[in-house]
Each structure stands twice: as C-alpha cells, then as structure tokens.
Protein backbone atom coordinates (compact mmCIF):
# COMPACT_ATOMS: atom_id res chain seq x y z
CA MET A 1 0.21 0.11 -0.04
CA ALA A 2 1.12 3.60 -1.15
CA THR A 3 0.29 7.33 -0.92
CA LEU A 4 -0.63 8.57 -4.05
CA GLU A 5 -0.33 12.27 -4.76
CA LEU A 6 -0.30 14.26 -8.11
CA ARG A 7 0.83 18.16 -8.01
CA ASN A 8 0.27 20.23 -10.67
CA VAL A 9 0.32 17.46 -13.36
CA ILE A 10 -0.19 18.97 -16.44
CA LYS A 11 0.00 17.06 -20.27
CA THR A 12 0.20 19.11 -23.47
CA TYR A 13 0.81 16.61 -26.65
CA GLY A 14 2.42 19.27 -28.87
CA SER A 15 3.57 23.40 -28.99
CA GLY A 16 0.64 24.85 -29.92
CA LEU A 17 -2.08 22.25 -28.70
CA PRO A 18 -4.17 23.27 -25.77
CA ASP A 19 -3.30 20.89 -22.17
CA THR A 20 -5.20 17.76 -22.17
CA LEU A 21 -4.66 17.53 -18.94
CA LYS A 22 -4.37 20.88 -16.74
CA ASP A 23 -2.99 20.99 -13.25
CA ILE A 24 -3.99 17.84 -11.95
CA GLN A 25 -3.86 18.00 -8.09
CA LEU A 26 -4.93 15.08 -5.69
CA SER A 27 -4.45 13.30 -2.49
CA ILE A 28 -5.45 9.48 -1.41
CA ASP A 29 -3.77 7.72 1.51
CA SER A 30 -2.78 4.37 2.27
CA GLY A 31 -5.31 1.82 0.79
CA GLU A 32 -7.83 4.20 -0.55
CA PHE A 33 -10.10 3.46 -3.49
CA LEU A 34 -9.91 6.70 -6.05
CA ILE A 35 -11.81 6.90 -8.85
CA LEU A 36 -11.43 9.09 -11.97
CA VAL A 37 -15.18 9.47 -13.71
CA GLY A 38 -15.76 11.51 -16.67
CA PRO A 39 -17.32 11.31 -19.70
CA SER A 40 -15.16 10.28 -23.07
CA GLY A 41 -12.21 12.47 -24.32
CA CYS A 42 -12.26 14.24 -20.97
CA GLY A 43 -8.47 12.87 -20.04
CA LYS A 44 -8.94 10.29 -17.06
CA SER A 45 -6.93 7.56 -19.06
CA THR A 46 -4.70 9.78 -20.19
CA LEU A 47 -4.13 10.98 -16.45
CA MET A 48 -4.33 6.65 -15.70
CA ASN A 49 -1.16 6.11 -18.35
CA CYS A 50 0.79 9.38 -17.20
CA ILE A 51 0.58 7.36 -13.45
CA ALA A 52 1.72 3.99 -14.81
CA GLY A 53 4.67 5.98 -16.62
CA LEU A 54 3.23 4.79 -20.23
CA GLU A 55 3.35 8.13 -21.02
CA ASN A 56 5.47 11.44 -19.72
CA ILE A 57 3.79 14.58 -18.14
CA THR A 58 4.74 17.82 -19.42
CA GLY A 59 4.96 19.93 -16.10
CA GLY A 60 4.33 18.79 -12.21
CA ALA A 61 5.02 15.69 -10.51
CA ILE A 62 3.46 12.42 -9.38
CA LEU A 63 4.27 11.04 -5.41
CA VAL A 64 4.13 7.70 -4.73
CA ASP A 65 5.17 7.46 -0.85
CA GLY A 66 6.20 11.16 -1.07
CA ALA A 67 8.50 10.58 -3.39
CA ASP A 68 8.88 11.41 -6.99
CA ILE A 69 8.24 8.58 -9.71
CA SER A 70 7.92 11.32 -12.35
CA GLY A 71 10.67 10.39 -14.38
CA MET A 72 10.87 6.68 -14.01
CA SER A 73 10.28 4.11 -16.18
CA PRO A 74 6.96 1.87 -16.07
CA LYS A 75 8.44 -1.31 -14.20
CA ASP A 76 9.92 1.19 -11.96
CA ARG A 77 6.85 2.77 -10.35
CA ASP A 78 6.07 -0.60 -9.01
CA ILE A 79 2.62 0.14 -10.18
CA ALA A 80 0.21 -2.44 -11.70
CA MET A 81 -2.73 -1.79 -14.73
CA VAL A 82 -5.54 -3.53 -15.81
CA PHE A 83 -6.43 -2.58 -18.96
CA GLN A 84 -9.84 -2.55 -21.03
CA SER A 85 -8.67 -5.06 -23.09
CA TYR A 86 -7.32 -8.21 -20.92
CA ALA A 87 -3.83 -8.07 -22.54
CA LEU A 88 -3.95 -11.64 -22.01
CA TYR A 89 -1.12 -13.39 -24.08
CA PRO A 90 -3.43 -15.89 -26.36
CA THR A 91 -1.12 -18.64 -26.60
CA MET A 92 -0.68 -18.86 -22.62
CA THR A 93 -2.87 -20.94 -19.98
CA VAL A 94 -4.38 -18.78 -17.17
CA ARG A 95 -1.88 -20.10 -15.04
CA GLU A 96 1.16 -19.22 -17.51
CA ASN A 97 -0.50 -15.79 -17.88
CA ILE A 98 -0.52 -14.55 -14.11
CA ALA A 99 3.25 -16.21 -13.70
CA PHE A 100 4.87 -14.35 -16.79
CA GLY A 101 5.34 -11.25 -14.43
CA LEU A 102 7.27 -13.11 -11.54
CA LYS A 103 8.95 -15.19 -14.22
CA ILE A 104 9.64 -12.10 -15.38
CA ARG A 105 11.18 -10.68 -11.74
CA LYS A 106 13.45 -14.05 -11.85
CA MET A 107 11.14 -15.60 -8.73
CA SER A 108 12.01 -19.10 -7.45
CA ALA A 109 9.90 -21.77 -9.09
CA ALA A 110 8.09 -22.47 -5.99
CA ALA A 111 7.68 -19.16 -5.27
CA ILE A 112 5.74 -18.22 -8.22
CA ASP A 113 3.71 -21.75 -7.70
CA GLU A 114 2.28 -20.29 -4.17
CA GLU A 115 1.68 -16.96 -5.40
CA VAL A 116 -0.21 -18.21 -8.39
CA ALA A 117 -2.26 -20.40 -6.06
CA ARG A 118 -2.96 -17.51 -3.76
CA VAL A 119 -4.41 -15.38 -6.12
CA ALA A 120 -6.18 -17.98 -8.08
CA LYS A 121 -7.69 -18.75 -4.75
CA LEU A 122 -8.71 -14.73 -4.07
CA LEU A 123 -10.67 -14.49 -7.52
CA GLN A 124 -11.91 -18.18 -7.31
CA ILE A 125 -10.31 -19.28 -10.74
CA GLU A 126 -7.93 -22.45 -9.59
CA HIS A 127 -10.72 -24.57 -11.92
CA LEU A 128 -8.93 -21.99 -15.14
CA LEU A 129 -5.62 -22.46 -14.64
CA ASN A 130 -5.22 -24.77 -17.20
CA ARG A 131 -7.02 -23.17 -19.57
CA LYS A 132 -6.22 -20.31 -22.47
CA PRO A 133 -7.95 -16.58 -22.33
CA GLY A 134 -10.02 -17.61 -25.74
CA GLN A 135 -11.62 -20.82 -23.61
CA LEU A 136 -12.73 -18.35 -21.00
CA SER A 137 -15.95 -15.93 -20.88
CA GLY A 138 -15.21 -12.04 -20.28
CA GLY A 139 -16.03 -12.63 -16.84
CA GLN A 140 -12.91 -15.03 -16.23
CA GLN A 141 -10.72 -13.13 -18.51
CA GLN A 142 -11.07 -10.06 -16.26
CA ARG A 143 -10.18 -12.14 -13.44
CA VAL A 144 -7.33 -13.49 -14.99
CA ALA A 145 -5.86 -9.88 -15.74
CA MET A 146 -6.71 -8.54 -11.94
CA GLY A 147 -4.96 -11.52 -10.65
CA ARG A 148 -1.67 -11.02 -13.26
CA ALA A 149 -1.66 -7.49 -11.49
CA LEU A 150 -2.23 -8.50 -8.00
CA ALA A 151 -0.01 -11.62 -8.31
CA ARG A 152 2.92 -8.59 -8.73
CA ARG A 153 2.04 -6.98 -5.09
CA PRO A 154 2.89 -3.74 -6.38
CA LYS A 155 2.27 -0.41 -4.36
CA ILE A 156 -0.31 1.06 -6.57
CA TYR A 157 -3.30 -1.33 -8.67
CA LEU A 158 -4.68 1.17 -11.66
CA PHE A 159 -8.13 -0.39 -13.69
CA ASP A 160 -8.52 1.09 -16.97
CA GLU A 161 -12.18 0.59 -17.23
CA PRO A 162 -11.76 -2.71 -16.63
CA LEU A 163 -15.95 -4.00 -17.38
CA SER A 164 -17.06 -1.76 -20.01
CA ASN A 165 -16.69 -4.84 -22.15
CA LEU A 166 -19.07 -6.92 -19.32
CA ASP A 167 -23.16 -7.46 -20.47
CA ALA A 168 -24.95 -5.46 -17.96
CA LYS A 169 -25.41 -8.83 -15.22
CA LEU A 170 -21.94 -9.45 -15.11
CA ARG A 171 -20.77 -5.74 -14.38
CA VAL A 172 -22.55 -6.08 -11.36
CA GLU A 173 -21.15 -9.12 -10.33
CA MET A 174 -17.46 -8.01 -11.22
CA ARG A 175 -18.24 -4.40 -9.14
CA THR A 176 -18.93 -6.76 -6.15
CA GLU A 177 -15.76 -8.68 -6.32
CA ILE A 178 -13.71 -6.26 -7.04
CA LYS A 179 -15.53 -3.81 -4.08
CA LEU A 180 -14.50 -7.33 -1.96
CA MET A 181 -11.13 -7.71 -3.21
CA HIS A 182 -10.04 -3.92 -1.98
CA GLN A 183 -12.03 -4.63 1.20
CA ARG A 184 -9.74 -7.48 1.77
CA LEU A 185 -6.70 -6.49 0.92
CA LYS A 186 -6.85 -2.60 1.56
CA THR A 187 -5.26 -1.91 -1.85
CA THR A 188 -4.19 1.38 -2.94
CA THR A 189 -6.24 1.57 -6.26
CA VAL A 190 -7.08 4.03 -9.19
CA TYR A 191 -10.30 3.39 -11.19
CA VAL A 192 -10.80 4.81 -14.57
CA THR A 193 -14.53 4.76 -15.63
CA HIS A 194 -17.36 6.71 -17.27
CA ASP A 195 -19.92 5.08 -15.06
CA GLN A 196 -21.32 7.16 -12.61
CA ILE A 197 -22.31 4.28 -10.75
CA GLU A 198 -19.23 2.07 -10.40
CA ALA A 199 -17.42 5.78 -9.22
CA MET A 200 -20.31 5.59 -6.43
CA THR A 201 -20.75 2.46 -5.10
CA LEU A 202 -16.72 1.82 -5.70
CA GLY A 203 -14.81 4.59 -4.51
CA ASP A 204 -13.25 5.70 -1.78
CA LYS A 205 -12.85 9.22 -3.44
CA VAL A 206 -14.25 10.29 -6.40
CA ALA A 207 -12.66 12.92 -9.06
CA VAL A 208 -15.27 14.20 -11.66
CA MET A 209 -13.13 15.27 -14.51
CA LYS A 210 -14.35 17.46 -17.68
CA ASP A 211 -11.98 18.75 -20.65
CA GLY A 212 -8.92 17.78 -18.44
CA ILE A 213 -9.83 19.34 -15.44
CA ILE A 214 -10.89 18.18 -12.44
CA GLN A 215 -14.26 19.67 -11.42
CA GLN A 216 -14.72 18.30 -8.17
CA PHE A 217 -13.25 16.03 -5.50
CA GLY A 218 -14.50 14.40 -2.72
CA THR A 219 -16.27 11.57 -1.18
CA PRO A 220 -19.29 9.97 -3.51
CA LYS A 221 -21.85 11.31 -0.74
CA ASP A 222 -19.87 14.89 -0.78
CA ILE A 223 -19.73 15.03 -4.74
CA TYR A 224 -23.82 13.70 -4.62
CA ASN A 225 -25.41 16.55 -2.32
CA ASP A 226 -22.94 19.18 -3.00
CA PRO A 227 -22.25 19.40 -6.39
CA ALA A 228 -19.81 22.08 -6.99
CA ASN A 229 -21.68 22.81 -10.72
CA LEU A 230 -24.22 21.72 -13.33
CA PHE A 231 -21.53 19.21 -14.87
CA VAL A 232 -21.04 17.42 -11.97
CA ALA A 233 -24.59 17.77 -10.58
CA SER A 234 -25.75 16.52 -14.23
CA PHE A 235 -23.49 13.49 -14.34
CA ILE A 236 -23.80 12.56 -11.04
CA GLY A 237 -27.25 10.73 -10.38
CA SER A 238 -29.43 8.02 -11.69
CA PRO A 239 -32.13 9.63 -12.90
CA PRO A 240 -30.25 12.99 -12.89
CA MET A 241 -31.02 16.05 -11.08
CA ASN A 242 -33.53 18.41 -12.25
CA PHE A 243 -32.72 21.24 -13.46
CA ILE A 244 -35.23 24.29 -13.67
CA PRO A 245 -34.85 27.49 -15.20
CA LEU A 246 -35.66 30.77 -12.95
CA ARG A 247 -35.56 34.08 -11.87
CA LEU A 248 -35.36 34.88 -7.98
CA GLN A 249 -37.50 36.84 -6.42
CA ARG A 250 -38.20 38.61 -3.27
CA LYS A 251 -41.32 38.32 -0.63
CA ASP A 252 -41.82 39.22 3.09
CA GLY A 253 -37.94 39.66 2.97
CA ARG A 254 -36.93 36.32 2.15
CA LEU A 255 -35.84 34.77 -1.67
CA VAL A 256 -37.94 33.08 -3.20
CA ALA A 257 -38.45 30.62 -6.09
CA LEU A 258 -41.41 31.18 -8.12
CA LEU A 259 -42.34 27.28 -10.05
CA ASP A 260 -45.34 26.95 -11.95
CA SER A 261 -46.80 23.66 -13.02
CA GLY A 262 -49.34 25.21 -15.28
CA GLN A 263 -52.59 24.16 -13.06
CA ALA A 264 -50.73 25.97 -10.33
CA ARG A 265 -47.87 28.15 -9.01
CA CYS A 266 -45.53 27.23 -5.47
CA GLU A 267 -43.41 29.98 -3.98
CA LEU A 268 -40.49 28.17 -2.64
CA PRO A 269 -38.34 30.09 0.24
CA LEU A 270 -34.59 30.15 0.21
CA ALA A 271 -32.57 29.44 3.08
CA MET A 272 -29.81 30.59 1.90
CA SER A 273 -27.90 34.42 1.53
CA ASP A 274 -29.18 36.25 -0.68
CA ALA A 275 -26.32 38.18 -1.53
CA GLY A 276 -26.56 39.67 -5.13
CA LEU A 277 -29.20 37.37 -6.14
CA GLU A 278 -32.39 39.28 -6.15
CA ASP A 279 -33.97 39.28 -10.06
CA ARG A 280 -31.55 37.33 -10.80
CA GLU A 281 -31.70 34.08 -13.38
CA VAL A 282 -30.28 31.17 -11.89
CA ILE A 283 -31.05 27.26 -12.68
CA LEU A 284 -32.84 25.47 -9.63
CA GLY A 285 -31.50 21.98 -8.90
CA MET A 286 -33.55 19.16 -7.01
CA ARG A 287 -32.89 15.53 -7.04
CA PRO A 288 -35.66 12.92 -8.50
CA GLU A 289 -35.91 11.55 -5.23
CA GLN A 290 -36.47 14.32 -3.43
CA ILE A 291 -39.62 15.39 -4.68
CA LEU A 292 -42.80 14.07 -2.85
CA LEU A 293 -46.28 13.26 -2.63
CA ALA A 294 -48.11 16.00 -0.46
CA GLY A 295 -49.66 14.56 2.80
CA ALA A 296 -51.50 14.45 5.52
CA GLN A 297 -48.47 14.96 7.79
CA ASP A 298 -46.05 17.66 5.14
CA GLY A 299 -44.61 19.34 7.60
CA GLY A 300 -45.70 22.49 6.29
CA LEU A 301 -43.47 22.15 3.24
CA PRO A 302 -44.83 24.20 0.25
CA SER A 303 -46.64 21.95 -2.53
CA ILE A 304 -48.19 22.40 -5.82
CA ARG A 305 -50.28 20.48 -8.39
CA ALA A 306 -48.89 19.42 -11.66
CA GLU A 307 -50.16 17.02 -14.17
CA VAL A 308 -48.68 13.21 -14.79
CA HIS A 309 -47.31 13.22 -18.33
CA ILE A 310 -45.22 9.83 -18.74
CA THR A 311 -45.06 7.16 -16.04
CA GLU A 312 -41.92 4.69 -15.78
CA PRO A 313 -42.71 1.33 -12.98
CA THR A 314 -38.84 0.50 -12.76
CA GLY A 315 -39.79 -1.93 -9.89
CA PRO A 316 -37.93 -0.71 -6.83
CA ASP A 317 -39.50 2.82 -7.65
CA THR A 318 -41.63 4.38 -9.98
CA LEU A 319 -40.46 7.64 -12.14
CA VAL A 320 -42.84 10.06 -12.92
CA PHE A 321 -42.52 13.01 -15.17
CA VAL A 322 -44.48 16.48 -14.51
CA THR A 323 -43.92 19.84 -16.12
CA LEU A 324 -42.46 23.02 -14.12
CA ASN A 325 -41.51 26.28 -15.65
CA ASP A 326 -41.93 24.46 -19.15
CA THR A 327 -39.36 21.82 -18.08
CA LYS A 328 -39.54 17.85 -17.93
CA VAL A 329 -39.18 17.05 -13.89
CA CYS A 330 -38.53 13.33 -12.87
CA CYS A 331 -39.93 12.34 -9.21
CA ARG A 332 -38.78 9.02 -7.86
CA LEU A 333 -41.46 7.63 -6.32
CA ALA A 334 -42.36 4.85 -4.41
CA PRO A 335 -42.92 1.73 -5.92
CA ASP A 336 -46.92 1.59 -4.92
CA VAL A 337 -47.45 4.70 -6.50
CA ALA A 338 -49.10 4.16 -9.84
CA PRO A 339 -50.36 7.49 -11.14
CA ARG A 340 -51.89 7.77 -14.61
CA VAL A 341 -51.59 9.57 -17.26
CA GLY A 342 -53.44 13.40 -17.08
CA GLU A 343 -53.72 12.93 -13.27
CA THR A 344 -53.01 15.37 -10.82
CA LEU A 345 -50.28 15.11 -8.13
CA ASN A 346 -49.44 16.78 -5.03
CA LEU A 347 -46.38 17.32 -4.96
CA GLN A 348 -44.08 19.12 -2.27
CA PHE A 349 -40.72 19.90 -1.66
CA ASP A 350 -37.90 20.50 1.09
CA PRO A 351 -36.41 24.27 0.44
CA ALA A 352 -33.01 23.00 2.21
CA LYS A 353 -32.94 20.92 -0.37
CA VAL A 354 -32.91 23.08 -3.35
CA LEU A 355 -29.61 23.84 -4.91
CA LEU A 356 -28.87 26.96 -6.90
CA PHE A 357 -26.38 27.35 -10.29
CA ASP A 358 -25.49 30.32 -12.15
CA ALA A 359 -27.76 30.22 -15.39
CA GLN A 360 -24.61 32.01 -17.34
CA THR A 361 -21.75 29.91 -15.74
CA GLY A 362 -22.79 27.10 -14.20
CA GLU A 363 -21.12 27.42 -10.55
CA ARG A 364 -22.78 26.32 -7.91
CA LEU A 365 -24.23 29.33 -5.96
CA GLY A 366 -24.61 29.83 -2.23
CA ALA A 367 -25.12 26.01 -0.07
CA VAL A 368 -28.86 26.58 1.25
CA GLY A 369 -28.28 25.60 4.74
CA ARG A 370 -29.32 22.12 5.75
CA ALA A 371 -30.03 22.88 9.22
CA GLN A 372 -32.98 24.89 8.22
CA ALA A 373 -34.20 22.52 6.78
CA SER A 374 -37.71 23.03 9.14
CA LEU A 375 -39.48 25.68 7.69
CA ALA A 376 -43.00 26.47 9.15
CA GLY A 377 -45.50 29.44 9.53
CA ASP A 378 -44.17 32.60 7.82
CA ASN A 379 -41.39 31.82 6.29
CA VAL A 380 -43.08 29.37 3.97
CA ALA A 381 -45.65 30.08 1.67
CA GLN A 382 -47.77 27.77 0.57
CA PHE A 383 -49.74 26.44 -2.67
CA LYS A 384 -51.30 29.13 -4.44
CA GLY A 385 -53.92 28.05 -7.06
CA ARG A 386 -54.58 30.56 -9.42
C-alpha cells in the first residue's frame, strides 16, 4: 500500500496544442480507492497512463509515498495496471499468464507456484488455471487480468475501465467482486470509468473530470449531495438531477423561487444568503427523490399540483414526469404509486435541499443551509391555486 499525490500535473501533446491535462491536483491516502470519472475524452485515461508511466507528463509531479516517480520508467514504479482489453497472452494458459510477470522478476518456481495459487483462490479461478484465454468468458478473462496484477503485489493498482466490455449483469457481479477484493486487501487503487454508478459504489474518493480539469474531488456523498457545478450535478446521479430555469424574487424579506406547473403556482422560500441574487436568472436543481407526494402530515413544506405526463415503473420505484416552468421534471416515488397519465398529483419540496446554479457559468451558488430544513409558518409560502 502507498500514498499517491499528483501535484499540478500537466500533459500537452505538442507546441501550440491545448493541454490535455490541466493543473491536476489530487491526493489519496494509503489503501484508499480513487475513482476517476467523466465522459469520453475528458482526460481520465491519459491521467491513468501518466501515473503508470506509459506517458510522460509535461509539467508537475507524481509522488508515491512522498517520492517523485515522474521520471521513472513504468517497470520501476511498482504499479500494476489492468487494461480494458484484458491484454492476456493468447498462447499461454491462465497459470502462465498470472506467472509471467513473476518469472520476469526472477522469482523461484516454488514462490511463483505459491503466489499463483494464492491469487487463483482469491479470485476463485483455480479450475481455470490450465485453460487458455480463448476458452474463457469475458468475466473469467477479467479475473485473470486482475490476477496477473495482484500476483505482483505492487504499491498501487490501476484499473482502466475494466468492466466496459462486459454485459450489464456481469458488470454488477464484477463490481461487487472488485469491492470485496479491495476490502480484503486494502490496496491503494485508482480506477477509471465513465459509469457514474461504478464511481458512486466503488470509490472512497471520486474525482469528476471534464476537458482535462478536475471539476470536483471528494467522497461519493459529497459529490452527490453538494455538487460544485452544473456539470457535476448532471453527471452524477441516476436518474439525473432536475434543472429548472427561473428568476429569483423577494417576498417578505426572503428570496423565493417561483414554480409554475400550468395548473398552479408555488413559492419556494430559500434558506440561503441572498447576496446579489434577487431578480437573477438561475438554475434550480432538485434530485428526483427529493420531490415527494404531499400527505396529511407534510411538515408545512410548500407543495404544488401538477399533471402527470409519463410514468415509468422500474420495480424498486416509480418515475413520474411532470412539467414545472415549461421544463420536464422527474419525480422518484414509491413503487406502489401508479398514477395515470393526465392525473394530477400534489407534490411537495424541501427548500433546504434545493441547489442553485448560475445560469451563465454553471457554478454552484451559495449553499442552502441544510440545518435550516425545518421551515414553517410565515417562512413558507404554501400552495397557491390560480
């Protein structure tokens, strides 16, 4: 296990070309699982290759346990990488594939046999040791690729989208296996993916990337609940966050967001600093699960009537789509809720969970005070029918 630190890492492929990686700064502790997530072309695989030494950085430094490894060759970095394509030797058996790196390091035959047996047991592939890659399924090949990396016992493991070639069911199974493996071995791991579900379920820390820039770095909970900007808020979450354009107003000394369903209007009071926000165009963000059916005991929260346009039962919940401010809005409701298209629902919102983003820059505006979640009486403007 080892610590990993990236200090102002820059990667440029030629003079006059824009930087592919722009001032990357990250730090993870020994044994942590770091996820690099973002859309295709954001630079996450390039950053992975720079850590491995497969590509040289243009500026900055990469440190492992405090030592600068930026100028080292890949073989001297004590880092193992699992590729998207598995990269197994087709003419070798599983046993030979796992043992290959150990033979290069001139380990004894007995030590190699012991290490292969350990890894095979860990990944439950003992029965596959005499087969060749062409005789294995995609999931089995992935286990072998992981086994080859594990056998080296390096300081850091790198995974470059290792599950992208697997079907949906096998992806879930392998995701669970990788998480269990990390919990057992406590290895320092960097994992590249474009799948935000993998990012949320696997990582201790998540770095969200776009255009070669770290948009936000933190725990999965931080990234999900307190996104730094519109991009992070839209990329993380399934279904994604709802974004409703509106102009903030002031009523009774408090900033309010006016929601309009076409049937009714609702003034949503905002428990936040109002510095320069009055009459400003903003994007209001709400997670689908934060829009609830108004009940007999709604805690004094604001609510609005809205017509159902689409319903999507998914099993564990029901996705209901309505329109607010001429924008399609997704509500994640209980699985036993089955409204008909055209039916009117009474929906309620918790103002303390609302996020605001600048309509021009996409940056997050002053965070809503979650400690002020209990709003009642004069502080809440209840539903108003037209």
